[in-house]
């Protein structure tokens, strides 16, 4: 009986290995004809923010909001913000005046129909700042709230200047105005962002096409 060579034994072992791979639905990596199914990519769950605010396309026909801005120094973010505010004063300063008037009415007539309507008007002015200020909506909402609150704070200080008994009451009033002002600034930034988001969503041609298709049904 002829003696089996190591080469024959290795060939048989390789044949058995390939047979097992074929039985399992796979093939040798060198031939690459049958392979394991690629792993199924797990679908990423959208975040809460992206669920509330789905991505919106940029505004059509609007170019770079910083076109023409030349400053490139260390204070570029601050200078760019001031430059944008000066380019669209109605969005930031104009809406800030409307906010101050509406907030003063809200404070003068609390828990009343007039005060409630004025509160909606104050928030609506911040949203409108983001709608008008397409260059950077959150910045214009923030500017409107800060500028409007400075006007409102001056109105309160002048109105209560003769009624404050001592320095302690003045300090409490200043602390209240500071804390409330910080809160209003955050609300203004969010409201401005929301206004800009709404404008982009309604200007999205895909969304318009979907709305028209629903109307035709």
C-alpha atoms as a PDB file:
ATOM      1  CA  UNK A   1       0.000   0.000   0.000  1.00  0.00           C
ATOM      2  CA  UNK A   2       1.533   3.311  -1.071  1.00  0.00           C
ATOM      3  CA  UNK A   3       2.394   5.660   1.697  1.00  0.00           C
ATOM      4  CA  UNK A   4       0.408   8.902   1.796  1.00  0.00           C
ATOM      5  CA  UNK A   5       2.526  11.982   1.389  1.00  0.00           C
ATOM      6  CA  UNK A   6       2.059  15.036   3.652  1.00  0.00           C
ATOM      7  CA  UNK A   7       0.978  16.970   0.540  1.00  0.00           C
ATOM      8  CA  UNK A   8      -1.943  14.590  -0.070  1.00  0.00           C
ATOM      9  CA  UNK A   9      -3.037  14.823   3.557  1.00  0.00           C
ATOM     10  CA  UNK A  10      -2.958  18.621   3.424  1.00  0.00           C
ATOM     11  CA  UNK A  11      -4.987  18.603   0.196  1.00  0.00           C
ATOM     12  CA  UNK A  12      -7.641  16.351   1.737  1.00  0.00           C
ATOM     13  CA  UNK A  13      -7.805  18.551   4.849  1.00  0.00           C
ATOM     14  CA  UNK A  14      -8.222  21.610   2.651  1.00  0.00           C
ATOM     15  CA  UNK A  15     -10.988  19.897   0.678  1.00  0.00           C
ATOM     16  CA  UNK A  16     -12.848  18.993   3.880  1.00  0.00           C
ATOM     17  CA  UNK A  17     -12.471  22.591   5.116  1.00  0.00           C
ATOM     18  CA  UNK A  18     -13.930  23.976   1.900  1.00  0.00           C
ATOM     19  CA  UNK A  19     -16.789  21.499   2.021  1.00  0.00           C
ATOM     20  CA  UNK A  20     -17.689  22.687   5.520  1.00  0.00           C
ATOM     21  CA  UNK A  21     -17.620  26.338   4.371  1.00  0.00           C
ATOM     22  CA  UNK A  22     -19.867  25.562   1.401  1.00  0.00           C
ATOM     23  CA  UNK A  23     -22.280  23.686   3.676  1.00  0.00           C
ATOM     24  CA  UNK A  24     -22.423  26.772   5.892  1.00  0.00           C
ATOM     25  CA  UNK A  25     -23.155  29.028   2.917  1.00  0.00           C
ATOM     26  CA  UNK A  26     -19.676  30.480   2.795  1.00  0.00           C
ATOM     27  CA  UNK A  27     -16.641  30.111   0.627  1.00  0.00           C
ATOM     28  CA  UNK A  28     -12.966  30.587   0.898  1.00  0.00           C
ATOM     29  CA  UNK A  29     -11.869  34.213   1.112  1.00  0.00           C
ATOM     30  CA  UNK A  30      -9.473  33.732  -1.812  1.00  0.00           C
ATOM     31  CA  UNK A  31     -12.283  32.751  -4.220  1.00  0.00           C
ATOM     32  CA  UNK A  32     -14.783  35.222  -2.743  1.00  0.00           C
ATOM     33  CA  UNK A  33     -17.822  33.711  -4.533  1.00  0.00           C
ATOM     34  CA  UNK A  34     -19.810  32.957  -1.379  1.00  0.00           C
ATOM     35  CA  UNK A  35     -19.448  35.043   1.720  1.00  0.00           C
ATOM     36  CA  UNK A  36     -21.230  35.722   4.910  1.00  0.00           C
ATOM     37  CA  UNK A  37     -24.094  38.167   4.696  1.00  0.00           C
ATOM     38  CA  UNK A  38     -22.840  41.644   5.536  1.00  0.00           C
ATOM     39  CA  UNK A  39     -23.833  42.810   8.992  1.00  0.00           C
ATOM     40  CA  UNK A  40     -27.051  44.745   8.993  1.00  0.00           C
ATOM     41  CA  UNK A  41     -26.353  48.331   9.921  1.00  0.00           C
ATOM     42  CA  UNK A  42     -28.330  49.308  12.939  1.00  0.00           C
ATOM     43  CA  UNK A  43     -30.566  52.266  12.191  1.00  0.00           C
ATOM     44  CA  UNK A  44     -29.749  55.272  14.283  1.00  0.00           C
ATOM     45  CA  UNK A  45     -32.628  56.545  16.337  1.00  0.00           C
ATOM     46  CA  UNK A  46     -33.222  60.255  15.810  1.00  0.00           C
ATOM     47  CA  UNK A  47     -32.546  62.497  18.754  1.00  0.00           C
ATOM     48  CA  UNK A  48     -35.322  64.353  20.516  1.00  0.00           C
ATOM     49  CA  UNK A  49     -34.190  67.646  18.982  1.00  0.00           C
ATOM     50  CA  UNK A  50     -34.174  66.252  15.419  1.00  0.00           C
ATOM     51  CA  UNK A  51     -37.599  64.709  16.015  1.00  0.00           C
ATOM     52  CA  UNK A  52     -39.063  68.062  17.063  1.00  0.00           C
ATOM     53  CA  UNK A  53     -37.144  70.035  14.432  1.00  0.00           C
ATOM     54  CA  UNK A  54     -36.537  67.899  11.320  1.00  0.00           C
ATOM     55  CA  UNK A  55     -33.733  69.200   9.108  1.00  0.00           C
ATOM     56  CA  UNK A  56     -34.801  72.159   6.971  1.00  0.00           C
ATOM     57  CA  UNK A  57     -33.222  73.177   3.687  1.00  0.00           C
ATOM     58  CA  UNK A  58     -31.477  76.559   3.338  1.00  0.00           C
ATOM     59  CA  UNK A  59     -33.538  79.469   2.094  1.00  0.00           C
ATOM     60  CA  UNK A  60     -33.609  79.551  -1.712  1.00  0.00           C
ATOM     61  CA  UNK A  61     -32.067  82.614  -3.296  1.00  0.00           C
ATOM     62  CA  UNK A  62     -30.211  83.673  -0.155  1.00  0.00           C
ATOM     63  CA  UNK A  63     -26.460  83.849  -0.356  1.00  0.00           C
ATOM     64  CA  UNK A  64     -23.763  84.007   2.273  1.00  0.00           C
ATOM     65  CA  UNK A  65     -24.995  86.253   5.121  1.00  0.00           C
ATOM     66  CA  UNK A  66     -21.407  87.371   5.757  1.00  0.00           C
ATOM     67  CA  UNK A  67     -20.722  88.337   2.143  1.00  0.00           C
ATOM     68  CA  UNK A  68     -18.816  91.608   2.222  1.00  0.00           C
ATOM     69  CA  UNK A  69     -17.588  91.188   5.790  1.00  0.00           C
ATOM     70  CA  UNK A  70     -13.827  91.719   5.758  1.00  0.00           C
ATOM     71  CA  UNK A  71     -12.741  91.610   9.411  1.00  0.00           C
ATOM     72  CA  UNK A  72     -10.586  88.581  10.295  1.00  0.00           C
ATOM     73  CA  UNK A  73      -9.189  89.461  13.707  1.00  0.00           C
ATOM     74  CA  UNK A  74      -9.466  87.664  17.034  1.00  0.00           C
ATOM     75  CA  UNK A  75     -12.871  89.190  17.808  1.00  0.00           C
ATOM     76  CA  UNK A  76     -14.397  88.042  14.536  1.00  0.00           C
ATOM     77  CA  UNK A  77     -17.501  86.325  16.059  1.00  0.00           C
ATOM     78  CA  UNK A  78     -18.410  89.426  18.068  1.00  0.00           C
ATOM     79  CA  UNK A  79     -17.685  91.868  15.260  1.00  0.00           C
ATOM     80  CA  UNK A  80     -19.559  89.687  12.769  1.00  0.00           C
ATOM     81  CA  UNK A  81     -22.610  89.622  15.058  1.00  0.00           C
ATOM     82  CA  UNK A  82     -22.589  93.415  15.393  1.00  0.00           C
ATOM     83  CA  UNK A  83     -22.156  93.722  11.635  1.00  0.00           C
ATOM     84  CA  UNK A  84     -25.148  91.475  10.990  1.00  0.00           C
ATOM     85  CA  UNK A  85     -27.306  93.407  13.475  1.00  0.00           C
ATOM     86  CA  UNK A  86     -26.464  96.668  11.723  1.00  0.00           C
ATOM     87  CA  UNK A  87     -27.361  95.127   8.362  1.00  0.00           C
ATOM     88  CA  UNK A  88     -30.886  94.259   9.504  1.00  0.00           C
ATOM     89  CA  UNK A  89     -31.884  96.627  12.329  1.00  0.00           C
ATOM     90  CA  UNK A  90     -35.615  95.966  11.958  1.00  0.00           C
ATOM     91  CA  UNK A  91     -35.166  92.292  12.899  1.00  0.00           C
ATOM     92  CA  UNK A  92     -33.160  92.985  16.041  1.00  0.00           C
ATOM     93  CA  UNK A  93     -33.871  96.502  17.263  1.00  0.00           C
ATOM     94  CA  UNK A  94     -37.303  97.036  15.736  1.00  0.00           C
ATOM     95  CA  UNK A  95     -38.702  93.786  17.111  1.00  0.00           C
ATOM     96  CA  UNK A  96     -37.049  94.647  20.429  1.00  0.00           C
ATOM     97  CA  UNK A  97     -39.116  97.833  20.699  1.00  0.00           C
ATOM     98  CA  UNK A  98     -42.298  95.870  19.977  1.00  0.00           C
ATOM     99  CA  UNK A  99     -41.289  93.294  22.591  1.00  0.00           C
ATOM    100  CA  UNK A 100     -40.715  95.996  25.224  1.00  0.00           C
ATOM    101  CA  UNK A 101     -44.155  97.541  24.627  1.00  0.00           C
ATOM    102  CA  UNK A 102     -45.897  94.150  24.696  1.00  0.00           C
ATOM    103  CA  UNK A 103     -44.028  93.045  27.836  1.00  0.00           C
ATOM    104  CA  UNK A 104     -44.832  96.281  29.634  1.00  0.00           C
ATOM    105  CA  UNK A 105     -48.524  95.715  28.894  1.00  0.00           C
ATOM    106  CA  UNK A 106     -48.208  92.130  30.094  1.00  0.00           C
ATOM    107  CA  UNK A 107     -46.697  93.292  33.384  1.00  0.00           C
ATOM    108  CA  UNK A 108     -49.257  96.071  33.824  1.00  0.00           C
ATOM    109  CA  UNK A 109     -52.264  93.782  33.266  1.00  0.00           C
ATOM    110  CA  UNK A 110     -51.349  90.366  34.713  1.00  0.00           C
ATOM    111  CA  UNK A 111     -53.919  87.555  34.680  1.00  0.00           C
ATOM    112  CA  UNK A 112     -56.176  89.398  32.263  1.00  0.00           C
ATOM    113  CA  UNK A 113     -57.176  88.994  28.643  1.00  0.00           C
ATOM    114  CA  UNK A 114     -55.189  92.063  27.655  1.00  0.00           C
ATOM    115  CA  UNK A 115     -52.101  90.797  29.458  1.00  0.00           C
ATOM    116  CA  UNK A 116     -52.423  87.345  27.910  1.00  0.00           C
ATOM    117  CA  UNK A 117     -52.719  88.756  24.407  1.00  0.00           C
ATOM    118  CA  UNK A 118     -49.751  91.029  25.057  1.00  0.00           C
ATOM    119  CA  UNK A 119     -47.660  88.072  26.234  1.00  0.00           C
ATOM    120  CA  UNK A 120     -48.400  86.271  22.973  1.00  0.00           C
ATOM    121  CA  UNK A 121     -47.423  89.448  21.160  1.00  0.00           C
ATOM    122  CA  UNK A 122     -44.117  89.663  22.999  1.00  0.00           C
ATOM    123  CA  UNK A 123     -43.167  86.103  22.102  1.00  0.00           C
ATOM    124  CA  UNK A 124     -44.440  86.591  18.551  1.00  0.00           C
ATOM    125  CA  UNK A 125     -42.153  89.577  18.111  1.00  0.00           C
ATOM    126  CA  UNK A 126     -39.142  87.402  18.969  1.00  0.00           C
ATOM    127  CA  UNK A 127     -40.263  84.742  16.511  1.00  0.00           C
ATOM    128  CA  UNK A 128     -40.743  87.456  13.896  1.00  0.00           C
ATOM    129  CA  UNK A 129     -37.182  88.613  14.556  1.00  0.00           C
ATOM    130  CA  UNK A 130     -35.964  85.176  13.486  1.00  0.00           C
ATOM    131  CA  UNK A 131     -38.246  85.145  10.451  1.00  0.00           C
ATOM    132  CA  UNK A 132     -37.065  88.563   9.261  1.00  0.00           C
ATOM    133  CA  UNK A 133     -33.445  88.033  10.265  1.00  0.00           C
ATOM    134  CA  UNK A 134     -32.720  85.143   7.916  1.00  0.00           C
ATOM    135  CA  UNK A 135     -28.969  85.842   8.128  1.00  0.00           C
ATOM    136  CA  UNK A 136     -28.752  84.425  11.675  1.00  0.00           C
ATOM    137  CA  UNK A 137     -32.204  83.950  13.246  1.00  0.00           C
ATOM    138  CA  UNK A 138     -31.158  83.109  16.800  1.00  0.00           C
ATOM    139  CA  UNK A 139     -28.918  86.197  16.920  1.00  0.00           C
ATOM    140  CA  UNK A 140     -31.757  88.517  15.944  1.00  0.00           C
ATOM    141  CA  UNK A 141     -34.110  86.896  18.436  1.00  0.00           C
ATOM    142  CA  UNK A 142     -31.481  87.298  21.141  1.00  0.00           C
ATOM    143  CA  UNK A 143     -30.843  90.902  20.134  1.00  0.00           C
ATOM    144  CA  UNK A 144     -34.555  91.731  20.145  1.00  0.00           C
ATOM    145  CA  UNK A 145     -35.042  90.269  23.623  1.00  0.00           C
ATOM    146  CA  UNK A 146     -31.947  91.959  25.098  1.00  0.00           C
ATOM    147  CA  UNK A 147     -32.623  95.348  23.512  1.00  0.00           C
ATOM    148  CA  UNK A 148     -36.295  95.184  24.439  1.00  0.00           C
ATOM    149  CA  UNK A 149     -35.521  94.163  27.987  1.00  0.00           C
ATOM    150  CA  UNK A 150     -33.110  97.083  28.426  1.00  0.00           C
ATOM    151  CA  UNK A 151     -35.961  99.415  27.449  1.00  0.00           C
ATOM    152  CA  UNK A 152     -38.347  97.602  29.785  1.00  0.00           C
ATOM    153  CA  UNK A 153     -35.865  97.638  32.689  1.00  0.00           C
ATOM    154  CA  UNK A 154     -35.312 101.378  32.257  1.00  0.00           C
ATOM    155  CA  UNK A 155     -39.086 101.857  32.299  1.00  0.00           C
ATOM    156  CA  UNK A 156     -39.399  99.857  35.532  1.00  0.00           C
ATOM    157  CA  UNK A 157     -36.522 101.653  37.258  1.00  0.00           C
ATOM    158  CA  UNK A 158     -37.893 105.087  36.351  1.00  0.00           C
ATOM    159  CA  UNK A 159     -41.408 104.098  37.405  1.00  0.00           C
ATOM    160  CA  UNK A 160     -40.317 102.700  40.766  1.00  0.00           C
ATOM    161  CA  UNK A 161     -37.518 105.128  41.547  1.00  0.00           C
ATOM    162  CA  UNK A 162     -39.668 107.105  43.975  1.00  0.00           C
ATOM    163  CA  UNK A 163     -41.161 104.034  45.659  1.00  0.00           C
ATOM    164  CA  UNK A 164     -37.980 102.266  46.766  1.00  0.00           C
ATOM    165  CA  UNK A 165     -37.500 102.786  50.504  1.00  0.00           C
ATOM    166  CA  UNK A 166     -33.854 101.833  50.919  1.00  0.00           C
ATOM    167  CA  UNK A 167     -30.815 100.351  49.208  1.00  0.00           C
ATOM    168  CA  UNK A 168     -31.940  96.827  50.088  1.00  0.00           C
ATOM    169  CA  UNK A 169     -35.072  97.121  47.974  1.00  0.00           C
ATOM    170  CA  UNK A 170     -33.037  98.633  45.134  1.00  0.00           C
ATOM    171  CA  UNK A 171     -30.657  95.663  45.299  1.00  0.00           C
ATOM    172  CA  UNK A 172     -33.566  93.190  45.197  1.00  0.00           C
ATOM    173  CA  UNK A 173     -35.041  94.981  42.204  1.00  0.00           C
ATOM    174  CA  UNK A 174     -31.697  94.928  40.427  1.00  0.00           C
ATOM    175  CA  UNK A 175     -31.269  91.207  41.142  1.00  0.00           C
ATOM    176  CA  UNK A 176     -34.774  90.477  39.869  1.00  0.00           C
ATOM    177  CA  UNK A 177     -34.198  92.433  36.667  1.00  0.00           C
ATOM    178  CA  UNK A 178     -30.855  90.708  36.093  1.00  0.00           C
ATOM    179  CA  UNK A 179     -32.202  87.166  36.556  1.00  0.00           C
ATOM    180  CA  UNK A 180     -35.338  87.842  34.545  1.00  0.00           C
ATOM    181  CA  UNK A 181     -33.254  89.489  31.830  1.00  0.00           C
ATOM    182  CA  UNK A 182     -31.049  86.399  31.496  1.00  0.00           C
ATOM    183  CA  UNK A 183     -34.166  84.239  31.184  1.00  0.00           C
ATOM    184  CA  UNK A 184     -35.659  86.513  28.539  1.00  0.00           C
ATOM    185  CA  UNK A 185     -32.388  86.446  26.603  1.00  0.00           C
ATOM    186  CA  UNK A 186     -32.494  82.644  26.436  1.00  0.00           C
ATOM    187  CA  UNK A 187     -36.136  82.734  25.361  1.00  0.00           C
ATOM    188  CA  UNK A 188     -35.256  85.294  22.698  1.00  0.00           C
ATOM    189  CA  UNK A 189     -32.490  83.157  21.232  1.00  0.00           C
ATOM    190  CA  UNK A 190     -34.749  80.112  21.079  1.00  0.00           C
ATOM    191  CA  UNK A 191     -37.703  82.069  19.650  1.00  0.00           C
ATOM    192  CA  UNK A 192     -35.486  83.582  16.966  1.00  0.00           C
ATOM    193  CA  UNK A 193     -34.141  80.161  16.039  1.00  0.00           C
ATOM    194  CA  UNK A 194     -37.693  78.840  15.858  1.00  0.00           C
ATOM    195  CA  UNK A 195     -38.766  81.703  13.592  1.00  0.00           C
ATOM    196  CA  UNK A 196     -35.887  81.079  11.214  1.00  0.00           C
ATOM    197  CA  UNK A 197     -36.617  77.363  11.227  1.00  0.00           C
ATOM    198  CA  UNK A 198     -40.255  77.969  10.349  1.00  0.00           C
ATOM    199  CA  UNK A 199     -39.249  80.206   7.456  1.00  0.00           C
ATOM    200  CA  UNK A 200     -36.900  77.572   6.044  1.00  0.00           C
ATOM    201  CA  UNK A 201     -39.482  74.833   6.442  1.00  0.00           C
ATOM    202  CA  UNK A 202     -42.228  76.737   4.650  1.00  0.00           C
ATOM    203  CA  UNK A 203     -39.807  77.786   1.904  1.00  0.00           C
ATOM    204  CA  UNK A 204     -38.665  74.187   1.318  1.00  0.00           C
ATOM    205  CA  UNK A 205     -39.810  73.195  -2.219  1.00  0.00           C
ATOM    206  CA  UNK A 206     -40.135  69.541  -1.196  1.00  0.00           C
ATOM    207  CA  UNK A 207     -42.514  70.452   1.629  1.00  0.00           C
ATOM    208  CA  UNK A 208     -44.550  72.631  -0.735  1.00  0.00           C
ATOM    209  CA  UNK A 209     -44.805  69.788  -3.233  1.00  0.00           C
ATOM    210  CA  UNK A 210     -46.057  67.446  -0.502  1.00  0.00           C
ATOM    211  CA  UNK A 211     -48.652  69.968   0.639  1.00  0.00           C
ATOM    212  CA  UNK A 212     -49.916  70.498  -2.907  1.00  0.00           C
ATOM    213  CA  UNK A 213     -50.136  66.737  -3.439  1.00  0.00           C
ATOM    214  CA  UNK A 214     -52.248  66.394  -0.295  1.00  0.00           C
ATOM    215  CA  UNK A 215     -54.604  69.145  -1.454  1.00  0.00           C
ATOM    216  CA  UNK A 216     -55.181  67.399  -4.780  1.00  0.00           C
ATOM    217  CA  UNK A 217     -56.281  64.175  -3.111  1.00  0.00           C
END
